[in-house]
Amino acid sequence: MGMQSVPLLMHRLIERGAVVCPEEEIVTATTSGTRRQTYRQTRARAHQLAHALIAQGIKPGDRIATFMWNSATHLEIYWACAGLGVVLHTLNIRLGQTDLEYIINHATDKLIIVDADLLPALETVKDNIPTVERVVISAEEGFENWQTDLPNAVCYETFIDTQPAHCEWPDLPETSPLGLCYTSGTTGDPKGVEYEHRAQYLHTMSVMATDCMGLSGTDTLCGIVPMFHAQGWGLPWVALTLGMKQVMPHRFMDPARIAQLMSEEKVTISAGVPTIWQGMKVLIEKNPQNYDFSALDRLTVGGSAAPISLIKWYWDNLNVEMIQGWGMTETSPLGTVARRVSKRSHLSLSDDEQFQNMAKAGQIMPGIDIKIVDDDGLDLPHDGNAVGEVLIRGPWICSEYFNNPQPDKFKDGWLVTGDVAAIDEDEYLIITDRSKDLIKSGGEWISSVDLENHIVALPGVAQACAVAQPHPRWTERPVVLIVTETGATVEPGSVIDHCATRFAKWQLPDDVLFVDSIPLTTTGKMSKKLVRSKLEADGYLLPDLREL
C-alpha cells in the first residue's frame, strides 16, 4: 500500500504548539518586568511578518538576517521564515565589525531585523552591506525612540501592522534551506552552515525523545542559549512544537536577572554554557533566600565540558540534573547527550559512577554515527583508552560549508570535527580537547580540559583556563590562568598540590597566573586563542626560561 509522501518541513512541526496550546505564554524580559503574548498571538504575528516579507519582495531561498537577543519577536521571525522557505541567517551580536561585515556580504542578506538597543553595533557596517535593501527595527521598552541611518529603516510593528494574520505556506522540497549560521572563525574567515528543513525536522524529533532531555509540553523553558548560536541548540523549534511555556531574557543576561526570571516564572529546564551555571551557583550560594528553584528540574550544558564539581553541586543543593551535551554548529547542533541514568543497566550504578557518566560528552543521538581515528585516518577501538579525532555523520550533520569548500573538513561522508576524544566500552564519548588546544609536552599529550575541570573543584576557584606555552626542550608546557571567587584567596602551591592528586608530575602546570577575567568567545566559551595571544604580546616566559 505504501505511505503518504509528506515533505519534512519545519512549519508542520511548529504550527502544532499554537494549535494544541493556543493560550500558553511566551514571556520576554523588559526593563520594568516582562511582556507576555500567547502562542495564538505569536502565530498570528508570525503570519503577518510573512506577508510583510512577501510584500518586500522576499522569496523562498532568499536570506534575511536577525541581529537580536532572545525574545518572542525573534521566535516570530523563526516561524515566518520556516513557513515561507526564507533562509534565516542569525547574526552573532557579539561579532566585531570585520567579521560582521564579512558574514552579511558572504550570505548576501537582503533584509536585516535588529533590536533597537543593538543599532550602534550594526551601524558600524552600514556603508559596506550593499545587498541589504531594508532594515527592520524591533523596539522593546525604553528604545521606542530609536534613530538610525541604516538603509530604509522601518519599525517592526509598522512593518507587519496591516498584514493579514494568516498565510498559506508554499510547497517546498524538504531539502530546502531553513537557516544559516556561521562558525566563530577561529582560523580564517567564518564559515557558514546552512541547515535544511529535513535535517532540522529530524533533529527536532530526536531532541524531543525522552532519553535526550526529557522535554514535554508541561515544561517551562528559559531560553538562555542565544538564538543566533546554532539556532539556540534547536530548543526554540522543540518548544514551539510542544507548546512549552517559554521565558526569554532578551538583553538581561546577568545572573541575578536570569535567576529572578527562572524563579518567578517557575522554569523547569534551561540550557547554557558552563560559565552561566558557574555564575548562577555563586549567586545562589550568596543569597539562597532570594530565589525559589523548586520547579527547576534539569539544566543542559554545552559549548564546553561542565566539571563534575559543578554537576554535583546542582544535584546536591537543588536536586537538579545537569545534562551534558556535545555538538557544534556543523551538527545542528546536538550529537551526544549524557544523562544521570540513560539506560537500564545504569540504575544499579552508585552516585559517583552516575556523576562520572554525566561528566562525559554522552551517548550518540539516534540516527547518528560517530568514530575516532588516528593520524592516519584509521579507526580506533572503543576501549576508553585510545584517543583520536572525532568524526561524525548523520541526517543533520553538515556535508559542506556554504559557498566555501573545505575538503579537509569532510572525508568520505564524515565531518571532521576537530575534537579529540576517546569512546569507552559503554559507547560514551569522552572529549579530551580541541585538537588545537591540546598541550604537547615531550611527545605526550596533556588535556587542558582535564586540568581545568580538576582545578575548578578547588574551593575558591571560579574559573580555570589551561593553555600551552612554548618550551625549547619539551615543545610545550601547561600554564593555568585562574579567576578566584570574590573574597577568596587561593595560593599557587595549593593549585599544584591539588593537581598532583590526580595528574602525573610531567602533567602538572609549570605556572599558575591569577587574573580578573578570562576572555570569552562570541559563543561564551573561554577563548584560549586570545589568552595565548595576550601572553605572547606581554612577552610571557615560563618560569624556567626567565633567567636564560
Protein backbone atom coordinates (compact mmCIF):
# COMPACT_ATOMS: atom_id res chain seq x y z
CA MET A 1 0.00 0.00 0.00
CA GLY A 2 2.80 2.43 0.86
CA MET A 3 2.78 5.57 2.96
CA GLN A 4 1.95 9.16 2.16
CA SER A 5 4.93 11.14 0.97
CA VAL A 6 4.77 14.34 3.03
CA PRO A 7 7.80 16.65 2.91
CA LEU A 8 9.51 17.10 6.27
CA LEU A 9 9.05 20.87 6.54
CA MET A 10 9.51 22.70 9.82
CA HIS A 11 6.19 24.53 9.70
CA ARG A 12 4.44 21.16 10.02
CA LEU A 13 6.01 20.89 13.48
CA ILE A 14 5.97 24.42 14.83
CA GLU A 15 2.35 25.20 13.95
CA ARG A 16 1.36 22.39 16.33
CA GLY A 17 2.11 24.32 19.52
CA ALA A 18 -0.31 27.10 18.62
CA VAL A 19 -2.99 24.56 17.71
CA VAL A 20 -2.84 22.47 20.88
CA CYS A 21 -1.71 25.18 23.36
CA PRO A 22 -3.05 28.48 21.91
CA GLU A 23 -3.17 30.29 25.27
CA GLU A 24 0.26 29.19 26.53
CA GLU A 25 2.62 32.10 27.19
CA ILE A 26 5.87 33.33 25.71
CA VAL A 27 7.44 35.72 28.23
CA THR A 28 10.08 38.32 27.30
CA ALA A 29 12.07 40.23 29.93
CA THR A 30 11.80 44.03 29.77
CA THR A 31 13.27 46.99 31.63
CA SER A 32 10.33 47.18 34.04
CA GLY A 33 9.38 43.49 34.19
CA THR A 34 8.06 41.25 31.43
CA ARG A 35 5.82 41.34 28.39
CA ARG A 36 3.68 38.34 27.55
CA GLN A 37 2.00 37.00 24.46
CA THR A 38 0.22 33.76 23.75
CA TYR A 39 1.03 31.14 21.15
CA ARG A 40 -2.12 32.22 19.31
CA GLN A 41 -0.84 35.80 19.15
CA THR A 42 2.68 34.69 18.24
CA ARG A 43 1.38 32.61 15.35
CA ALA A 44 -0.75 35.48 14.05
CA ARG A 45 2.18 37.91 14.23
CA ALA A 46 4.48 35.40 12.50
CA HIS A 47 1.98 35.09 9.65
CA GLN A 48 1.72 38.89 9.46
CA LEU A 49 5.50 39.09 9.21
CA ALA A 50 5.44 36.52 6.41
CA HIS A 51 3.05 38.71 4.39
CA ALA A 52 5.25 41.74 5.07
CA LEU A 53 8.31 39.88 3.78
CA ILE A 54 6.41 38.85 0.64
CA ALA A 55 5.39 42.49 0.10
CA GLN A 56 9.05 43.44 0.44
CA GLY A 57 9.87 41.07 -2.44
CA ILE A 58 11.46 38.36 -0.30
CA LYS A 59 11.14 34.93 -1.95
CA PRO A 60 11.84 31.33 -0.87
CA GLY A 61 15.58 30.77 -0.76
CA ASP A 62 16.38 34.44 -0.09
CA ARG A 63 18.39 35.13 3.03
CA ILE A 64 17.27 37.57 5.70
CA ALA A 65 19.23 38.21 8.88
CA THR A 66 18.44 38.85 12.51
CA PHE A 67 20.68 40.83 14.86
CA MET A 68 18.74 40.18 18.04
CA TRP A 69 18.51 38.92 21.58
CA ASN A 70 16.24 36.02 22.56
CA SER A 71 12.65 37.27 22.55
CA ALA A 72 9.12 36.50 21.40
CA THR A 73 9.81 38.67 18.36
CA HIS A 74 12.81 36.54 17.43
CA LEU A 75 10.56 33.47 17.67
CA GLU A 76 8.08 35.13 15.27
CA ILE A 77 10.89 35.53 12.75
CA TYR A 78 11.96 31.89 13.13
CA TRP A 79 8.33 30.92 12.48
CA ALA A 80 7.72 33.17 9.47
CA CYS A 81 10.95 32.19 7.73
CA ALA A 82 10.32 28.48 8.26
CA GLY A 83 6.84 28.79 6.77
CA LEU A 84 7.87 30.86 3.76
CA GLY A 85 11.01 28.91 2.89
CA VAL A 86 13.10 32.03 3.54
CA VAL A 87 16.57 31.32 4.93
CA LEU A 88 17.00 32.77 8.42
CA HIS A 89 20.56 33.99 8.92
CA THR A 90 21.07 34.58 12.65
CA LEU A 91 23.89 37.09 13.10
CA ASN A 92 26.04 36.80 16.20
CA ILE A 93 25.52 40.09 18.06
CA ARG A 94 28.96 39.80 19.70
CA LEU A 95 30.93 39.87 16.46
CA GLY A 96 33.35 42.66 15.67
CA GLN A 97 32.91 44.91 12.65
CA THR A 98 35.21 42.95 10.32
CA ASP A 99 33.54 39.57 10.84
CA LEU A 100 30.04 41.07 10.86
CA GLU A 101 30.62 42.82 7.56
CA TYR A 102 32.15 39.70 6.00
CA ILE A 103 29.28 37.45 7.07
CA ILE A 104 26.48 39.75 5.87
CA ASN A 105 28.13 40.12 2.49
CA HIS A 106 29.06 36.47 2.16
CA ALA A 107 25.46 35.49 2.88
CA THR A 108 24.12 38.28 0.60
CA ASP A 109 21.42 39.10 3.14
CA LYS A 110 18.53 41.11 1.64
CA LEU A 111 16.95 42.36 4.87
CA ILE A 112 18.03 42.60 8.50
CA ILE A 113 15.78 42.69 11.56
CA VAL A 114 17.57 44.24 14.54
CA ASP A 115 16.79 45.00 18.17
CA ALA A 116 16.84 48.78 18.68
CA ASP A 117 19.34 48.61 21.54
CA LEU A 118 21.79 46.85 19.17
CA LEU A 119 21.63 49.51 16.44
CA PRO A 120 25.03 51.06 17.29
CA ALA A 121 26.80 47.74 16.66
CA LEU A 122 25.03 47.17 13.34
CA GLU A 123 25.61 50.76 12.23
CA THR A 124 29.37 50.12 12.17
CA VAL A 125 28.88 48.24 8.86
CA LYS A 126 26.14 50.43 7.33
CA ASP A 127 28.34 51.69 4.45
CA ASN A 128 29.55 48.24 3.37
CA ILE A 129 26.49 45.96 3.13
CA PRO A 130 25.27 46.59 -0.45
CA THR A 131 22.91 43.60 -0.68
CA VAL A 132 20.80 44.78 2.29
CA GLU A 133 17.69 46.51 0.94
CA ARG A 134 15.92 47.25 4.21
CA VAL A 135 16.46 47.18 7.96
CA VAL A 136 13.54 46.50 10.30
CA ILE A 137 13.87 47.66 13.92
CA SER A 138 12.25 45.84 16.84
CA ALA A 139 11.96 48.23 19.80
CA GLU A 140 11.48 46.81 23.27
CA GLU A 141 10.56 49.02 26.23
CA GLY A 142 12.86 52.03 26.58
CA PHE A 143 14.08 52.04 22.97
CA GLU A 144 10.94 53.21 21.16
CA ASN A 145 12.56 56.49 20.09
CA TRP A 146 15.34 54.91 18.07
CA GLN A 147 17.04 56.72 15.21
CA THR A 148 19.31 55.26 12.54
CA ASP A 149 20.72 55.89 9.08
CA LEU A 150 20.71 52.21 8.15
CA PRO A 151 19.06 51.61 4.74
CA ASN A 152 15.25 52.04 4.51
CA ALA A 153 14.76 51.62 8.25
CA VAL A 154 11.24 50.85 9.45
CA CYS A 155 9.69 49.92 12.79
CA TYR A 156 8.87 46.20 13.10
CA GLU A 157 5.32 46.94 14.30
CA THR A 158 4.72 49.28 11.35
CA PHE A 159 6.21 46.68 9.00
CA ILE A 160 3.69 43.98 9.98
CA ASP A 161 0.75 46.05 11.25
CA THR A 162 -1.67 46.00 8.32
CA GLN A 163 -0.87 42.48 7.13
CA PRO A 164 -3.31 39.51 7.30
CA ALA A 165 -2.94 37.17 10.27
CA HIS A 166 -2.94 34.01 8.13
CA CYS A 167 -0.54 32.97 5.39
CA GLU A 168 -0.72 29.85 3.23
CA TRP A 169 2.71 28.31 3.34
CA PRO A 170 4.20 27.34 -0.06
CA ASP A 171 5.05 23.78 -1.02
CA LEU A 172 8.80 23.27 -0.82
CA PRO A 173 11.24 20.39 -1.21
CA GLU A 174 12.19 19.10 2.23
CA THR A 175 15.85 19.70 1.38
CA SER A 176 15.17 23.44 1.05
CA PRO A 177 17.44 25.61 3.20
CA LEU A 178 15.98 26.70 6.54
CA GLY A 179 18.70 28.63 8.30
CA LEU A 180 22.26 29.88 8.03
CA CYS A 181 24.68 30.13 10.94
CA TYR A 182 28.37 30.97 10.80
CA THR A 183 31.08 29.40 12.92
CA SER A 184 33.14 31.69 15.09
CA GLY A 185 36.02 31.72 12.63
CA THR A 186 38.90 30.85 14.98
CA THR A 187 41.03 30.24 11.90
CA GLY A 188 40.45 32.18 8.70
CA ASP A 189 37.12 33.71 7.77
CA PRO A 190 33.93 32.49 9.49
CA LYS A 191 32.31 29.55 7.69
CA GLY A 192 28.58 29.25 7.07
CA VAL A 193 26.50 26.17 7.87
CA GLU A 194 23.19 26.03 6.01
CA TYR A 195 20.53 24.00 7.81
CA GLU A 196 17.86 22.21 5.76
CA HIS A 197 14.21 21.64 6.69
CA ARG A 198 14.54 17.85 6.61
CA ALA A 199 17.67 17.90 8.76
CA GLN A 200 16.23 20.22 11.41
CA TYR A 201 12.92 18.34 11.39
CA LEU A 202 14.73 15.09 12.23
CA HIS A 203 16.97 16.85 14.75
CA THR A 204 13.89 18.31 16.45
CA MET A 205 12.20 14.92 16.65
CA SER A 206 15.33 13.36 18.12
CA VAL A 207 15.76 16.12 20.73
CA MET A 208 12.15 15.50 21.82
CA ALA A 209 13.00 11.90 22.73
CA THR A 210 12.67 11.12 26.45
CA ASP A 211 16.27 9.96 26.83
CA CYS A 212 17.59 13.22 25.41
CA MET A 213 16.37 15.95 27.78
CA GLY A 214 13.01 14.59 28.89
CA LEU A 215 11.25 17.54 27.24
CA SER A 216 7.47 17.85 27.48
CA GLY A 217 4.66 20.28 26.79
CA THR A 218 4.41 20.61 30.58
CA ASP A 219 7.88 22.24 30.73
CA THR A 220 8.75 25.90 31.11
CA LEU A 221 11.93 26.60 29.15
CA CYS A 222 14.21 29.54 29.87
CA GLY A 223 15.93 30.28 26.56
CA ILE A 224 19.44 31.34 27.61
CA VAL A 225 21.38 29.82 24.69
CA PRO A 226 21.44 32.64 22.13
CA MET A 227 19.04 32.08 19.26
CA PHE A 228 21.88 33.25 16.99
CA HIS A 229 24.06 30.33 18.12
CA ALA A 230 23.28 27.09 16.23
CA GLN A 231 19.59 28.06 16.31
CA GLY A 232 19.52 28.09 20.11
CA TRP A 233 20.73 24.46 20.14
CA GLY A 234 17.45 23.62 18.38
CA LEU A 235 15.41 24.28 21.53
CA PRO A 236 13.19 27.06 20.08
CA TRP A 237 11.93 24.62 17.45
CA VAL A 238 11.22 21.95 20.08
CA ALA A 239 9.46 24.41 22.40
CA LEU A 240 7.24 25.73 19.61
CA THR A 241 6.34 22.19 18.57
CA LEU A 242 5.44 21.03 22.08
CA GLY A 243 3.72 24.26 23.11
CA MET A 244 6.01 24.77 26.10
CA LYS A 245 5.89 27.97 28.10
CA GLN A 246 8.96 29.94 27.05
CA VAL A 247 10.85 32.57 29.04
CA MET A 248 13.20 34.83 27.08
CA PRO A 249 15.76 37.01 28.90
CA HIS A 250 16.36 39.40 25.96
CA ARG A 251 19.34 41.66 26.86
CA PHE A 252 19.13 40.95 30.59
CA MET A 253 21.80 38.27 30.70
CA ASP A 254 23.28 38.98 34.13
CA PRO A 255 22.98 36.04 36.57
CA ALA A 256 20.77 37.97 39.01
CA ARG A 257 18.12 38.81 36.43
CA ILE A 258 18.17 35.33 34.92
CA ALA A 259 17.83 33.77 38.36
CA GLN A 260 14.93 36.10 39.13
CA LEU A 261 13.19 35.18 35.87
CA MET A 262 13.70 31.47 36.41
CA SER A 263 12.42 31.72 39.97
CA GLU A 264 9.35 33.88 39.26
CA GLU A 265 8.28 32.03 36.11
CA LYS A 266 8.76 28.56 37.66
CA VAL A 267 11.21 27.45 34.99
CA THR A 268 11.68 23.67 34.81
CA ILE A 269 14.54 23.48 32.30
CA SER A 270 17.17 25.75 30.84
CA ALA A 271 20.33 25.45 28.78
CA GLY A 272 23.60 27.35 28.61
CA VAL A 273 27.39 27.20 28.64
CA PRO A 274 29.16 26.29 31.93
CA THR A 275 30.07 29.91 32.74
CA ILE A 276 26.34 30.71 33.00
CA TRP A 277 25.80 27.99 35.59
CA GLN A 278 29.01 28.81 37.45
CA GLY A 279 27.78 32.40 37.83
CA MET A 280 24.35 31.20 38.95
CA LYS A 281 25.92 28.90 41.54
CA VAL A 282 27.89 31.77 43.09
CA LEU A 283 24.75 33.92 43.19
CA ILE A 284 22.61 31.25 44.85
CA GLU A 285 25.28 30.45 47.42
CA LYS A 286 25.39 34.10 48.48
CA ASN A 287 21.63 34.71 48.56
CA PRO A 288 19.75 31.37 48.66
CA GLN A 289 16.74 33.00 50.30
CA ASN A 290 16.15 35.27 47.30
CA TYR A 291 15.17 32.55 44.85
CA ASP A 292 12.71 29.69 44.55
CA PHE A 293 14.07 26.97 42.30
CA SER A 294 11.67 24.31 43.47
CA ALA A 295 10.28 23.90 39.93
CA LEU A 296 13.71 23.59 38.29
CA ASP A 297 14.44 20.01 37.28
CA ARG A 298 17.09 19.96 34.55
CA LEU A 299 19.88 22.15 33.19
CA THR A 300 21.50 21.37 29.86
CA VAL A 301 25.12 22.41 29.46
CA GLY A 302 27.17 22.53 26.28
CA GLY A 303 29.81 24.53 24.45
CA SER A 304 32.47 23.17 26.79
CA ALA A 305 32.53 20.49 29.45
CA ALA A 306 30.99 21.10 32.85
CA PRO A 307 33.22 19.88 35.70
CA ILE A 308 31.92 17.11 37.97
CA SER A 309 32.12 19.51 40.91
CA LEU A 310 29.54 21.79 39.27
CA ILE A 311 27.33 18.87 38.27
CA LYS A 312 27.40 17.55 41.84
CA TRP A 313 26.65 20.97 43.34
CA TYR A 314 23.43 21.39 41.38
CA TRP A 315 22.33 17.86 42.22
CA ASP A 316 23.23 18.03 45.90
CA ASN A 317 21.89 21.54 46.54
CA LEU A 318 18.95 21.96 44.15
CA ASN A 319 18.17 18.37 43.13
CA VAL A 320 18.72 19.50 39.55
CA GLU A 321 20.12 17.15 36.92
CA MET A 322 22.78 18.73 34.75
CA ILE A 323 22.58 17.19 31.26
CA GLN A 324 25.82 17.36 29.32
CA GLY A 325 25.54 17.76 25.55
CA TRP A 326 28.15 17.80 22.82
CA GLY A 327 27.88 19.17 19.33
CA MET A 328 28.84 22.09 17.13
CA THR A 329 27.34 24.47 14.60
CA GLU A 330 28.03 21.87 11.92
CA THR A 331 25.95 19.23 13.75
CA SER A 332 22.72 21.26 14.05
CA PRO A 333 24.00 21.06 16.88
CA LEU A 334 23.31 18.03 19.09
CA GLY A 335 25.47 14.94 18.60
CA THR A 336 25.63 13.30 22.03
CA VAL A 337 23.89 13.63 25.40
CA ALA A 338 24.89 12.44 28.88
CA ARG A 339 22.11 11.82 31.40
CA ARG A 340 22.32 10.80 35.05
CA VAL A 341 20.71 7.50 34.10
CA SER A 342 20.43 6.84 30.39
CA LYS A 343 19.89 3.09 30.23
CA ARG A 344 18.53 0.35 32.42
CA SER A 345 21.92 -1.03 33.42
CA HIS A 346 22.75 2.36 34.96
CA LEU A 347 20.04 2.02 37.57
CA SER A 348 22.41 0.00 39.72
CA LEU A 349 25.34 2.45 39.44
CA SER A 350 26.50 4.29 42.54
CA ASP A 351 26.04 8.07 42.70
CA ASP A 352 29.73 8.59 41.98
CA GLU A 353 29.56 6.33 38.92
CA GLN A 354 26.49 8.21 37.68
CA PHE A 355 28.30 11.54 38.11
CA GLN A 356 31.25 10.15 36.15
CA ASN A 357 28.89 9.36 33.26
CA MET A 358 27.25 12.80 33.47
CA ALA A 359 30.66 14.43 33.08
CA LYS A 360 31.26 12.67 29.76
CA ALA A 361 30.09 14.13 26.46
CA GLY A 362 27.49 11.40 26.27
CA GLN A 363 26.00 8.77 24.02
CA ILE A 364 25.17 9.33 20.37
CA MET A 365 21.75 10.63 19.40
CA PRO A 366 19.58 8.13 17.49
CA GLY A 367 20.40 8.32 13.79
CA ILE A 368 23.99 9.48 14.28
CA ASP A 369 27.24 7.57 13.66
CA ILE A 370 30.44 8.57 15.42
CA LYS A 371 34.01 7.27 15.45
CA ILE A 372 37.54 8.22 16.44
CA VAL A 373 40.53 7.91 14.14
CA ASP A 374 44.30 8.16 14.44
CA ASP A 375 46.60 10.48 12.48
CA ASP A 376 46.42 8.11 9.50
CA GLY A 377 42.63 8.09 9.48
CA LEU A 378 42.38 4.54 10.83
CA ASP A 379 39.55 3.63 13.20
CA LEU A 380 40.49 3.33 16.86
CA PRO A 381 38.92 0.92 19.37
CA HIS A 382 36.15 1.97 21.75
CA ASP A 383 38.00 0.97 24.91
CA GLY A 384 38.15 4.27 26.78
CA ASN A 385 41.94 4.47 26.33
CA ALA A 386 42.51 5.08 22.62
CA VAL A 387 42.32 8.81 21.86
CA GLY A 388 41.78 10.20 18.38
CA GLU A 389 39.97 12.80 16.31
CA VAL A 390 36.18 12.65 16.34
CA LEU A 391 34.36 12.05 13.04
CA ILE A 392 30.57 12.17 12.81
CA ARG A 393 27.87 11.60 10.19
CA GLY A 394 24.09 11.60 10.13
CA PRO A 395 20.99 13.25 8.64
CA TRP A 396 21.53 16.58 10.43
CA ILE A 397 25.31 16.78 10.03
CA CYS A 398 26.79 19.38 7.67
CA SER A 399 28.23 17.95 4.43
CA GLU A 400 29.88 21.17 3.19
CA TYR A 401 30.17 24.83 4.12
CA PHE A 402 28.01 27.48 2.48
CA ASN A 403 29.82 28.72 -0.66
CA ASN A 404 33.16 27.81 0.87
CA PRO A 405 34.64 24.39 0.00
CA GLN A 406 36.76 22.97 2.82
CA PRO A 407 37.65 19.44 1.64
CA ASP A 408 39.85 18.77 4.69
CA LYS A 409 36.76 19.05 6.92
CA PHE A 410 34.73 16.41 5.06
CA LYS A 411 36.15 12.97 4.38
CA ASP A 412 34.24 10.08 2.77
CA GLY A 413 30.89 11.34 4.05
CA TRP A 414 32.16 12.11 7.56
CA LEU A 415 32.55 15.52 9.21
CA VAL A 416 35.99 16.00 10.76
CA THR A 417 35.11 17.81 13.98
CA GLY A 418 38.49 18.96 15.27
CA ASP A 419 37.67 17.49 18.68
CA VAL A 420 39.92 14.88 20.26
CA ALA A 421 38.24 12.16 22.31
CA ALA A 422 38.00 8.58 23.46
CA ILE A 423 34.94 6.33 23.28
CA ASP A 424 34.56 3.89 26.14
CA GLU A 425 33.16 0.37 26.24
CA ASP A 426 29.77 1.80 27.22
CA GLU A 427 29.80 3.86 23.99
CA TYR A 428 30.20 7.19 25.80
CA LEU A 429 32.11 9.91 24.00
CA ILE A 430 34.75 11.46 26.28
CA ILE A 431 36.06 14.72 24.85
CA THR A 432 39.72 15.21 25.67
CA ASP A 433 40.23 18.57 23.99
CA ARG A 434 40.00 20.57 20.82
CA SER A 435 42.89 19.45 18.62
CA LYS A 436 44.32 22.99 18.66
CA ASP A 437 44.07 23.24 22.49
CA LEU A 438 45.90 20.03 23.40
CA ILE A 439 49.26 20.59 25.08
CA LYS A 440 52.10 18.51 23.61
CA SER A 441 54.89 18.04 26.13
CA GLY A 442 57.85 15.79 25.41
CA GLY A 443 55.91 13.88 22.78
CA GLU A 444 52.97 13.24 25.14
CA TRP A 445 49.58 14.96 25.13
CA ILE A 446 48.14 16.83 28.12
CA SER A 447 44.41 17.61 28.15
CA SER A 448 43.73 21.24 29.02
CA VAL A 449 40.08 20.33 29.68
CA ASP A 450 41.00 17.69 32.28
CA LEU A 451 43.29 20.14 34.08
CA GLU A 452 40.64 22.87 34.10
CA ASN A 453 37.85 20.64 35.37
CA HIS A 454 40.03 19.34 38.19
CA ILE A 455 41.21 22.81 39.25
CA VAL A 456 37.68 24.28 39.28
CA ALA A 457 36.80 21.77 42.01
CA LEU A 458 39.28 23.52 44.32
CA PRO A 459 37.47 25.79 46.83
CA GLY A 460 37.72 29.46 45.90
CA VAL A 461 38.33 28.88 42.18
CA ALA A 462 35.65 30.33 39.93
CA GLN A 463 37.28 29.69 36.52
CA ALA A 464 40.41 27.96 35.25
CA CYS A 465 41.94 28.12 31.78
CA ALA A 466 44.89 25.92 30.80
CA VAL A 467 46.94 26.81 27.73
CA ALA A 468 50.18 25.67 26.15
CA GLN A 469 53.30 27.81 26.18
CA PRO A 470 56.35 27.09 24.02
CA HIS A 471 59.34 25.36 25.60
CA PRO A 472 62.65 24.64 23.79
CA ARG A 473 63.08 21.20 25.35
CA TRP A 474 59.54 19.92 25.90
CA THR A 475 57.87 21.65 22.89
CA GLU A 476 55.04 22.96 25.11
CA ARG A 477 54.23 23.18 28.80
CA PRO A 478 50.90 23.94 30.52
CA VAL A 479 50.14 27.28 32.18
CA VAL A 480 46.91 27.84 34.12
CA LEU A 481 45.05 31.14 34.44
CA ILE A 482 42.68 31.33 37.41
CA VAL A 483 39.82 33.64 38.37
CA THR A 484 39.05 33.34 42.07
CA GLU A 485 35.65 33.72 43.67
CA THR A 486 35.02 37.13 45.26
CA GLY A 487 36.84 37.38 48.57
CA ALA A 488 38.60 34.03 48.17
CA THR A 489 42.34 33.51 48.48
CA VAL A 490 43.98 30.69 46.54
CA GLU A 491 47.71 30.00 46.66
CA PRO A 492 49.61 28.79 43.55
CA GLY A 493 51.09 25.94 45.58
CA SER A 494 47.66 24.69 46.58
CA VAL A 495 46.68 24.54 42.90
CA ILE A 496 49.74 22.46 42.06
CA ASP A 497 49.20 20.20 45.09
CA HIS A 498 45.56 19.73 44.10
CA CYS A 499 46.56 18.76 40.54
CA ALA A 500 49.15 16.31 41.92
CA THR A 501 46.37 14.26 43.50
CA ARG A 502 45.29 13.22 40.01
CA PHE A 503 47.95 14.02 37.43
CA ALA A 504 51.48 12.76 36.85
CA LYS A 505 54.34 15.13 37.65
CA TRP A 506 55.02 15.89 33.99
CA GLN A 507 51.37 16.88 33.51
CA LEU A 508 51.35 19.50 36.29
CA PRO A 509 51.17 23.19 35.32
CA ASP A 510 54.51 24.98 35.17
CA ASP A 511 52.89 28.23 36.27
CA VAL A 512 49.69 29.50 37.87
CA LEU A 513 48.56 33.03 36.98
CA PHE A 514 45.73 34.86 38.71
CA VAL A 515 43.64 37.16 36.51
CA ASP A 516 40.50 39.27 36.92
CA SER A 517 38.76 37.62 33.98
CA ILE A 518 39.26 35.16 31.14
CA PRO A 519 38.25 36.35 27.67
CA LEU A 520 35.30 34.57 26.10
CA THR A 521 34.49 33.76 22.50
CA THR A 522 31.35 35.14 20.86
CA THR A 523 29.52 31.99 21.93
CA GLY A 524 30.52 32.21 25.61
CA LYS A 525 33.38 29.71 25.65
CA MET A 526 36.82 30.53 27.03
CA SER A 527 38.90 31.99 24.20
CA LYS A 528 42.20 30.19 24.52
CA LYS A 529 43.29 31.80 21.28
CA LEU A 530 43.02 35.25 22.91
CA VAL A 531 44.68 34.00 26.10
CA ARG A 532 47.66 32.69 24.14
CA SER A 533 47.85 35.89 22.07
CA LYS A 534 47.89 38.10 25.16
CA LEU A 535 50.58 36.03 26.85
CA GLU A 536 52.69 36.35 23.70
CA ALA A 537 52.04 40.11 23.44
CA ASP A 538 53.03 40.52 27.09
CA GLY A 539 56.30 38.69 26.45
CA TYR A 540 55.40 35.93 28.89
CA LEU A 541 58.06 33.28 29.57
CA LEU A 542 57.74 30.06 31.54
CA PRO A 543 59.46 30.18 34.96
CA ASP A 544 62.44 28.03 33.98
CA LEU A 545 63.13 30.19 30.91
CA ARG A 546 63.15 33.60 32.57
CA GLU A 547 66.83 33.52 33.53
CA LEU A 548 68.15 32.03 30.30
